[in-house]
Amino acid sequence: MGKRKKKSKPPPKKKMKPLDKTFFCPFCNHPDCVECLIDIKNLTATAKCWVCLEEFNTTANVLTEPVDVYSEWIDECERVNNVGNDEDN
């Protein structure tokens, strides 16, 4: 005698959306013009805009992704803007 077929199927696996590799520039506001390059050999990461040629350099490690480099750039821009606003008061 054979086994009965199982009626319930496991839920389908959710596909993860891949992380972005190009971003909008915080200076010229062009979409998809910032590219993040990571050099693991030298432990450096660079985010550079193709349009306005603005550039941000930071340190990297094996776990660093392009979105991490971009978010560090945005955080640094906000920090510099807040320091400038604090001096005006």
N, C-alpha and C. Protein backbone atom coordinates (compact mmCIF):
# COMPACT_ATOMS: atom_id res chain seq x y z
N MET A 1 0.83 -1.18 0.00
CA MET A 1 0.00 0.00 0.00
C MET A 1 0.88 1.24 0.00
N GLY A 2 0.43 2.21 -0.79
CA GLY A 2 1.18 3.46 -0.88
C GLY A 2 0.72 4.49 0.14
N LYS A 3 1.54 5.46 0.37
CA LYS A 3 1.18 6.53 1.29
C LYS A 3 0.23 7.49 0.60
N ARG A 4 -0.59 8.15 1.41
CA ARG A 4 -1.47 9.18 0.87
C ARG A 4 -0.65 10.44 0.61
N LYS A 5 -1.08 11.17 -0.42
CA LYS A 5 -0.38 12.40 -0.74
C LYS A 5 -0.71 13.46 0.29
N LYS A 6 0.26 14.26 0.61
CA LYS A 6 0.07 15.33 1.56
C LYS A 6 -0.72 16.46 0.87
N LYS A 7 -1.80 16.93 1.50
CA LYS A 7 -2.65 17.94 0.88
C LYS A 7 -2.06 19.34 0.99
N SER A 8 -1.39 19.63 2.07
CA SER A 8 -0.88 20.99 2.23
C SER A 8 0.54 21.08 1.67
N LYS A 9 0.78 22.17 0.96
CA LYS A 9 2.11 22.43 0.41
C LYS A 9 2.78 23.48 1.27
N PRO A 10 4.07 23.42 1.35
CA PRO A 10 4.76 24.47 2.11
C PRO A 10 4.60 25.81 1.39
N PRO A 11 4.58 26.92 2.12
CA PRO A 11 4.41 28.21 1.47
C PRO A 11 5.61 28.51 0.57
N PRO A 12 5.36 29.19 -0.55
CA PRO A 12 6.48 29.48 -1.45
C PRO A 12 7.48 30.42 -0.79
N LYS A 13 8.73 30.25 -1.13
CA LYS A 13 9.78 31.10 -0.57
C LYS A 13 9.68 32.50 -1.17
N LYS A 14 9.81 33.50 -0.32
CA LYS A 14 9.76 34.88 -0.79
C LYS A 14 11.10 35.23 -1.41
N LYS A 15 11.04 35.82 -2.60
CA LYS A 15 12.26 36.22 -3.28
C LYS A 15 12.69 37.58 -2.72
N MET A 16 13.96 37.66 -2.39
CA MET A 16 14.49 38.93 -1.89
C MET A 16 14.82 39.84 -3.06
N LYS A 17 14.43 41.10 -2.92
CA LYS A 17 14.74 42.09 -3.94
C LYS A 17 16.23 42.45 -3.81
N PRO A 18 16.98 42.44 -4.90
CA PRO A 18 18.40 42.77 -4.79
C PRO A 18 18.60 44.23 -4.38
N LEU A 19 19.67 44.50 -3.66
CA LEU A 19 19.97 45.85 -3.22
C LEU A 19 20.39 46.72 -4.41
N ASP A 20 20.09 48.01 -4.31
CA ASP A 20 20.47 48.94 -5.37
C ASP A 20 21.99 49.07 -5.44
N LYS A 21 22.47 49.36 -6.64
CA LYS A 21 23.90 49.59 -6.83
C LYS A 21 24.17 51.00 -7.32
N THR A 22 23.14 51.69 -7.79
CA THR A 22 23.28 53.09 -8.18
C THR A 22 22.22 53.89 -7.43
N PHE A 23 22.55 55.15 -7.11
CA PHE A 23 21.70 55.96 -6.26
C PHE A 23 21.59 57.37 -6.82
N PHE A 24 20.70 58.19 -6.21
CA PHE A 24 20.61 59.58 -6.64
C PHE A 24 21.64 60.42 -5.89
N CYS A 25 22.09 61.46 -6.55
CA CYS A 25 23.14 62.30 -5.98
C CYS A 25 22.53 63.32 -5.02
N PRO A 26 23.08 63.48 -3.81
CA PRO A 26 22.54 64.46 -2.87
C PRO A 26 22.88 65.90 -3.26
N PHE A 27 23.80 66.09 -4.20
CA PHE A 27 24.19 67.44 -4.60
C PHE A 27 23.46 67.91 -5.86
N CYS A 28 23.42 67.07 -6.90
CA CYS A 28 22.77 67.50 -8.15
C CYS A 28 21.40 66.86 -8.35
N ASN A 29 21.00 65.95 -7.46
CA ASN A 29 19.68 65.29 -7.48
C ASN A 29 19.36 64.55 -8.77
N HIS A 30 20.36 64.07 -9.47
CA HIS A 30 20.11 63.22 -10.64
C HIS A 30 19.92 61.78 -10.16
N PRO A 31 18.91 61.09 -10.69
CA PRO A 31 18.69 59.70 -10.27
C PRO A 31 19.70 58.75 -10.92
N ASP A 32 20.06 57.73 -10.22
CA ASP A 32 20.94 56.66 -10.72
C ASP A 32 22.25 57.16 -11.31
N CYS A 33 22.88 58.13 -10.66
CA CYS A 33 24.15 58.64 -11.18
C CYS A 33 25.29 58.45 -10.20
N VAL A 34 25.02 57.94 -9.00
CA VAL A 34 26.08 57.70 -8.03
C VAL A 34 26.40 56.21 -8.03
N GLU A 35 27.66 55.91 -8.23
CA GLU A 35 28.12 54.53 -8.23
C GLU A 35 29.07 54.34 -7.06
N CYS A 36 28.94 53.24 -6.38
CA CYS A 36 29.79 52.94 -5.23
C CYS A 36 30.76 51.82 -5.59
N LEU A 37 32.04 52.11 -5.45
CA LEU A 37 33.08 51.14 -5.75
C LEU A 37 33.78 50.76 -4.45
N ILE A 38 33.97 49.46 -4.25
CA ILE A 38 34.60 48.97 -3.03
C ILE A 38 35.86 48.20 -3.40
N ASP A 39 36.97 48.62 -2.83
CA ASP A 39 38.25 47.96 -3.05
C ASP A 39 38.64 47.24 -1.76
N ILE A 40 38.37 45.95 -1.70
CA ILE A 40 38.63 45.16 -0.50
C ILE A 40 40.14 45.02 -0.26
N LYS A 41 40.91 44.97 -1.32
CA LYS A 41 42.36 44.81 -1.18
C LYS A 41 42.97 45.97 -0.39
N ASN A 42 42.52 47.20 -0.67
CA ASN A 42 43.04 48.38 0.02
C ASN A 42 42.13 48.86 1.15
N LEU A 43 41.01 48.15 1.38
CA LEU A 43 40.04 48.49 2.42
C LEU A 43 39.50 49.92 2.27
N THR A 44 39.18 50.31 1.04
CA THR A 44 38.59 51.62 0.79
C THR A 44 37.31 51.47 -0.01
N ALA A 45 36.44 52.47 0.13
CA ALA A 45 35.20 52.50 -0.64
C ALA A 45 34.99 53.92 -1.12
N THR A 46 34.47 54.06 -2.36
CA THR A 46 34.27 55.37 -2.96
C THR A 46 32.87 55.44 -3.55
N ALA A 47 32.19 56.55 -3.28
CA ALA A 47 30.91 56.84 -3.93
C ALA A 47 31.14 58.06 -4.79
N LYS A 48 30.84 57.96 -6.10
CA LYS A 48 31.15 59.04 -7.02
C LYS A 48 29.96 59.29 -7.95
N CYS A 49 29.65 60.58 -8.14
CA CYS A 49 28.57 60.98 -9.05
C CYS A 49 29.15 61.18 -10.44
N TRP A 50 28.47 60.63 -11.45
CA TRP A 50 28.93 60.77 -12.83
C TRP A 50 28.65 62.17 -13.37
N VAL A 51 27.64 62.84 -12.85
CA VAL A 51 27.21 64.13 -13.40
C VAL A 51 28.02 65.29 -12.82
N CYS A 52 27.97 65.45 -11.50
CA CYS A 52 28.64 66.61 -10.88
C CYS A 52 30.03 66.28 -10.35
N LEU A 53 30.45 65.02 -10.46
CA LEU A 53 31.78 64.55 -10.08
C LEU A 53 32.09 64.72 -8.59
N GLU A 54 31.06 64.80 -7.76
CA GLU A 54 31.27 64.79 -6.31
C GLU A 54 31.72 63.38 -5.90
N GLU A 55 32.54 63.32 -4.86
CA GLU A 55 33.11 62.03 -4.47
C GLU A 55 33.18 61.94 -2.95
N PHE A 56 32.98 60.73 -2.44
CA PHE A 56 33.09 60.46 -1.01
C PHE A 56 33.90 59.20 -0.83
N ASN A 57 34.90 59.26 0.06
CA ASN A 57 35.77 58.11 0.35
C ASN A 57 35.60 57.71 1.81
N THR A 58 35.64 56.42 2.05
CA THR A 58 35.53 55.90 3.40
C THR A 58 36.26 54.57 3.49
N THR A 59 36.36 54.05 4.69
CA THR A 59 36.99 52.74 4.87
C THR A 59 35.95 51.64 4.64
N ALA A 60 36.43 50.48 4.27
CA ALA A 60 35.54 49.35 3.98
C ALA A 60 36.08 48.09 4.63
N ASN A 61 35.21 47.10 4.71
CA ASN A 61 35.63 45.77 5.15
C ASN A 61 34.95 44.74 4.27
N VAL A 62 35.11 43.49 4.58
CA VAL A 62 34.56 42.44 3.72
C VAL A 62 33.03 42.45 3.68
N LEU A 63 32.39 42.97 4.70
CA LEU A 63 30.93 42.97 4.76
C LEU A 63 30.31 44.23 4.15
N THR A 64 31.10 45.18 3.72
CA THR A 64 30.59 46.44 3.19
C THR A 64 29.91 46.23 1.85
N GLU A 65 28.72 46.81 1.70
CA GLU A 65 27.94 46.78 0.46
C GLU A 65 27.84 48.20 -0.08
N PRO A 66 27.50 48.37 -1.37
CA PRO A 66 27.36 49.72 -1.92
C PRO A 66 26.35 50.59 -1.18
N VAL A 67 25.27 50.00 -0.71
CA VAL A 67 24.27 50.78 0.02
C VAL A 67 24.83 51.30 1.34
N ASP A 68 25.77 50.58 1.94
CA ASP A 68 26.40 51.04 3.17
C ASP A 68 27.26 52.28 2.92
N VAL A 69 28.00 52.26 1.82
CA VAL A 69 28.85 53.40 1.47
C VAL A 69 27.98 54.63 1.19
N TYR A 70 26.90 54.43 0.45
CA TYR A 70 26.01 55.55 0.13
C TYR A 70 25.36 56.11 1.39
N SER A 71 24.92 55.25 2.29
CA SER A 71 24.28 55.73 3.51
C SER A 71 25.27 56.49 4.40
N GLU A 72 26.54 56.06 4.41
CA GLU A 72 27.55 56.81 5.15
C GLU A 72 27.75 58.20 4.56
N TRP A 73 27.69 58.29 3.23
CA TRP A 73 27.83 59.59 2.55
C TRP A 73 26.67 60.51 2.92
N ILE A 74 25.45 59.98 2.90
CA ILE A 74 24.28 60.78 3.26
C ILE A 74 24.37 61.21 4.73
N ASP A 75 24.78 60.32 5.62
CA ASP A 75 24.92 60.67 7.03
C ASP A 75 25.96 61.77 7.23
N GLU A 76 27.06 61.69 6.50
CA GLU A 76 28.10 62.71 6.60
C GLU A 76 27.61 64.06 6.08
N CYS A 77 26.84 64.05 5.00
CA CYS A 77 26.25 65.29 4.48
C CYS A 77 25.31 65.92 5.50
N GLU A 78 24.49 65.11 6.14
CA GLU A 78 23.57 65.62 7.16
C GLU A 78 24.34 66.15 8.37
N ARG A 79 25.40 65.46 8.76
CA ARG A 79 26.19 65.91 9.90
C ARG A 79 26.83 67.27 9.61
N VAL A 80 27.38 67.44 8.41
CA VAL A 80 28.01 68.71 8.04
C VAL A 80 26.96 69.82 7.98
N ASN A 81 25.78 69.53 7.45
CA ASN A 81 24.72 70.54 7.39
C ASN A 81 24.24 70.92 8.78
N ASN A 82 24.14 69.98 9.69
CA ASN A 82 23.70 70.28 11.06
C ASN A 82 24.75 71.09 11.82
N VAL A 83 26.03 70.83 11.58
CA VAL A 83 27.09 71.60 12.23
C VAL A 83 27.01 73.05 11.75
N GLY A 84 26.78 73.26 10.46
CA GLY A 84 26.64 74.60 9.92
C GLY A 84 25.45 75.33 10.47
N ASN A 85 24.33 74.63 10.71
CA ASN A 85 23.13 75.25 11.27
C ASN A 85 23.31 75.58 12.74
N ASP A 86 24.07 74.76 13.47
CA ASP A 86 24.30 75.00 14.89
C ASP A 86 25.14 76.25 15.11
N GLU A 87 26.08 76.55 14.20
CA GLU A 87 26.93 77.72 14.33
C GLU A 87 26.17 79.02 14.10
N ASP A 88 25.08 78.97 13.30
CA ASP A 88 24.31 80.16 13.01
C ASP A 88 23.49 80.60 14.21
N ASN A 89 23.13 79.70 15.12
CA ASN A 89 22.30 80.05 16.28
C ASN A 89 23.08 80.64 17.37
